[in-house]
Amino acid sequence: MKNNKNKPNQGSPGQWGLVAYSILDALTTCSGIEFPLVIDTPGRSIDNEHFRKIFEYLLESDKQVFVFPEGSELLPDVGDKLFGHRCAATYQLVQNKDDAG
């Protein structure tokens, strides 16, 4: 990677996340092998604009995508409003405060 001055740069964790998503997307597209893309905490180290663009791209593609965002990354109501028309199902995991285990 290079920075805005065209110098070599290690890149941020967010940039490496974008690179990883791109590589996985390219592998599924070029190989012709259909397999689901599973993304855990997709917004970690990525700014809001890129996070929204990633979701728009992935959920508008014809690929099967499983996304596991944390509440701080994408609230269930917001996700349903923005992407519900493209999702087969949305689930929210909630900790049971009464469960002592």
C-alpha atoms as a PDB file:
ATOM      1  CA  MET A   1       0.000   0.000   0.000  1.00  0.00           C
ATOM      2  CA  LYS A   2       1.006   3.567  -0.533  1.00  0.00           C
ATOM      3  CA  ASN A   3      -0.022   6.733   1.267  1.00  0.00           C
ATOM      4  CA  ASN A   4      -1.300   9.957  -0.310  1.00  0.00           C
ATOM      5  CA  LYS A   5       2.334  11.009  -0.974  1.00  0.00           C
ATOM      6  CA  ASN A   6       2.945   7.802  -2.957  1.00  0.00           C
ATOM      7  CA  LYS A   7       5.243   6.433  -0.240  1.00  0.00           C
ATOM      8  CA  PRO A   8       5.075   2.838   1.049  1.00  0.00           C
ATOM      9  CA  ASN A   9       2.729   2.507   4.017  1.00  0.00           C
ATOM     10  CA  GLN A  10       1.875  -0.432   6.283  1.00  0.00           C
ATOM     11  CA  GLY A  11      -1.802   0.541   6.195  1.00  0.00           C
ATOM     12  CA  SER A  12      -4.295   0.637   9.008  1.00  0.00           C
ATOM     13  CA  PRO A  13      -6.270  -2.357  10.296  1.00  0.00           C
ATOM     14  CA  GLY A  14      -9.290  -0.912   8.497  1.00  0.00           C
ATOM     15  CA  GLN A  15      -7.412  -0.761   5.202  1.00  0.00           C
ATOM     16  CA  TRP A  16      -6.293  -4.371   5.613  1.00  0.00           C
ATOM     17  CA  GLY A  17      -9.909  -5.327   6.317  1.00  0.00           C
ATOM     18  CA  LEU A  18     -10.947  -3.750   3.018  1.00  0.00           C
ATOM     19  CA  VAL A  19      -8.133  -5.603   1.243  1.00  0.00           C
ATOM     20  CA  ALA A  20      -9.270  -8.902   2.796  1.00  0.00           C
ATOM     21  CA  TYR A  21     -12.899  -8.362   1.721  1.00  0.00           C
ATOM     22  CA  SER A  22     -11.711  -7.505  -1.790  1.00  0.00           C
ATOM     23  CA  ILE A  23      -9.571 -10.620  -2.056  1.00  0.00           C
ATOM     24  CA  LEU A  24     -12.361 -12.902  -0.836  1.00  0.00           C
ATOM     25  CA  ASP A  25     -14.820 -11.288  -3.229  1.00  0.00           C
ATOM     26  CA  ALA A  26     -12.376 -11.669  -6.121  1.00  0.00           C
ATOM     27  CA  LEU A  27     -11.722 -15.332  -5.294  1.00  0.00           C
ATOM     28  CA  THR A  28     -15.417 -16.200  -5.317  1.00  0.00           C
ATOM     29  CA  THR A  29     -15.987 -14.255  -8.534  1.00  0.00           C
ATOM     30  CA  CYS A  30     -12.956 -15.579 -10.456  1.00  0.00           C
ATOM     31  CA  SER A  31     -13.123 -19.187  -9.276  1.00  0.00           C
ATOM     32  CA  GLY A  32     -16.757 -19.682 -10.159  1.00  0.00           C
ATOM     33  CA  ILE A  33     -17.108 -21.626  -6.919  1.00  0.00           C
ATOM     34  CA  GLU A  34     -20.055 -20.451  -4.860  1.00  0.00           C
ATOM     35  CA  PHE A  35     -19.348 -20.282  -1.160  1.00  0.00           C
ATOM     36  CA  PRO A  36     -20.715 -17.935   1.477  1.00  0.00           C
ATOM     37  CA  LEU A  37     -18.740 -14.977   2.704  1.00  0.00           C
ATOM     38  CA  VAL A  38     -18.761 -14.806   6.514  1.00  0.00           C
ATOM     39  CA  ILE A  39     -17.770 -11.498   8.080  1.00  0.00           C
ATOM     40  CA  ASP A  40     -17.455 -11.046  11.838  1.00  0.00           C
ATOM     41  CA  THR A  41     -17.373  -7.462  13.195  1.00  0.00           C
ATOM     42  CA  PRO A  42     -17.125  -5.892   9.731  1.00  0.00           C
ATOM     43  CA  GLY A  43     -16.883  -2.336  10.989  1.00  0.00           C
ATOM     44  CA  ARG A  44     -13.852  -2.812  13.169  1.00  0.00           C
ATOM     45  CA  SER A  45     -11.330  -0.103  12.300  1.00  0.00           C
ATOM     46  CA  ILE A  46     -13.336   1.110   9.281  1.00  0.00           C
ATOM     47  CA  ASP A  47     -14.897   4.561   9.136  1.00  0.00           C
ATOM     48  CA  ASN A  48     -18.681   4.911   8.726  1.00  0.00           C
ATOM     49  CA  GLU A  49     -18.577   5.852   5.047  1.00  0.00           C
ATOM     50  CA  HIS A  50     -16.543   2.799   4.006  1.00  0.00           C
ATOM     51  CA  PHE A  51     -18.551   0.573   6.346  1.00  0.00           C
ATOM     52  CA  ARG A  52     -21.806   1.652   4.650  1.00  0.00           C
ATOM     53  CA  LYS A  53     -20.283   1.143   1.193  1.00  0.00           C
ATOM     54  CA  ILE A  54     -19.096  -2.372   2.122  1.00  0.00           C
ATOM     55  CA  PHE A  55     -22.578  -3.325   3.275  1.00  0.00           C
ATOM     56  CA  GLU A  56     -24.200  -1.827   0.182  1.00  0.00           C
ATOM     57  CA  TYR A  57     -21.803  -3.669  -2.132  1.00  0.00           C
ATOM     58  CA  LEU A  58     -21.993  -7.040  -0.395  1.00  0.00           C
ATOM     59  CA  LEU A  59     -25.736  -7.034   0.140  1.00  0.00           C
ATOM     60  CA  GLU A  60     -26.488  -5.856  -3.387  1.00  0.00           C
ATOM     61  CA  SER A  61     -24.303  -8.610  -4.880  1.00  0.00           C
ATOM     62  CA  ASP A  62     -25.667 -12.046  -5.699  1.00  0.00           C
ATOM     63  CA  LYS A  63     -23.348 -13.674  -3.178  1.00  0.00           C
ATOM     64  CA  GLN A  64     -24.481 -15.373   0.010  1.00  0.00           C
ATOM     65  CA  VAL A  65     -23.167 -13.223   2.847  1.00  0.00           C
ATOM     66  CA  PHE A  66     -23.371 -13.796   6.597  1.00  0.00           C
ATOM     67  CA  VAL A  67     -22.598 -10.642   8.538  1.00  0.00           C
ATOM     68  CA  PHE A  68     -22.149 -10.538  12.315  1.00  0.00           C
ATOM     69  CA  PRO A  69     -21.911  -6.858  13.284  1.00  0.00           C
ATOM     70  CA  GLU A  70     -21.758  -5.687  16.875  1.00  0.00           C
ATOM     71  CA  GLY A  71     -24.486  -3.315  18.043  1.00  0.00           C
ATOM     72  CA  SER A  72     -22.121  -0.370  17.861  1.00  0.00           C
ATOM     73  CA  GLU A  73     -21.402  -1.176  14.197  1.00  0.00           C
ATOM     74  CA  LEU A  74     -24.963  -1.636  12.978  1.00  0.00           C
ATOM     75  CA  LEU A  75     -28.078  -1.489  15.122  1.00  0.00           C
ATOM     76  CA  PRO A  76     -30.711  -4.100  14.127  1.00  0.00           C
ATOM     77  CA  ASP A  77     -33.417  -1.526  13.334  1.00  0.00           C
ATOM     78  CA  VAL A  78     -31.046   0.510  11.168  1.00  0.00           C
ATOM     79  CA  GLY A  79     -29.807  -2.617   9.390  1.00  0.00           C
ATOM     80  CA  ASP A  80     -33.354  -3.766   8.695  1.00  0.00           C
ATOM     81  CA  LYS A  81     -34.322  -0.344   7.358  1.00  0.00           C
ATOM     82  CA  LEU A  82     -31.277  -0.046   5.072  1.00  0.00           C
ATOM     83  CA  PHE A  83     -30.760  -3.656   3.995  1.00  0.00           C
ATOM     84  CA  GLY A  84     -33.842  -5.650   5.053  1.00  0.00           C
ATOM     85  CA  HIS A  85     -35.116  -5.855   1.477  1.00  0.00           C
ATOM     86  CA  ARG A  86     -31.987  -7.878   0.568  1.00  0.00           C
ATOM     87  CA  CYS A  87     -31.787 -10.077   3.685  1.00  0.00           C
ATOM     88  CA  ALA A  88     -33.362 -13.484   4.121  1.00  0.00           C
ATOM     89  CA  ALA A  89     -33.384 -13.076   7.895  1.00  0.00           C
ATOM     90  CA  THR A  90     -32.111 -10.812  10.622  1.00  0.00           C
ATOM     91  CA  TYR A  91     -31.365 -12.053  14.127  1.00  0.00           C
ATOM     92  CA  GLN A  92     -30.366 -10.174  17.230  1.00  0.00           C
ATOM     93  CA  LEU A  93     -28.509 -11.891  20.046  1.00  0.00           C
ATOM     94  CA  VAL A  94     -29.266 -10.407  23.445  1.00  0.00           C
ATOM     95  CA  GLN A  95     -27.682 -11.392  26.737  1.00  0.00           C
ATOM     96  CA  ASN A  96     -30.169 -12.608  29.311  1.00  0.00           C
ATOM     97  CA  LYS A  97     -29.299 -10.598  32.415  1.00  0.00           C
ATOM     98  CA  ASP A  98     -31.267 -13.066  34.595  1.00  0.00           C
ATOM     99  CA  ASP A  99     -29.118 -16.026  33.502  1.00  0.00           C
ATOM    100  CA  ALA A 100     -26.518 -16.663  36.204  1.00  0.00           C
ATOM    101  CA  GLY A 101     -24.506 -19.056  33.980  1.00  0.00           C
END
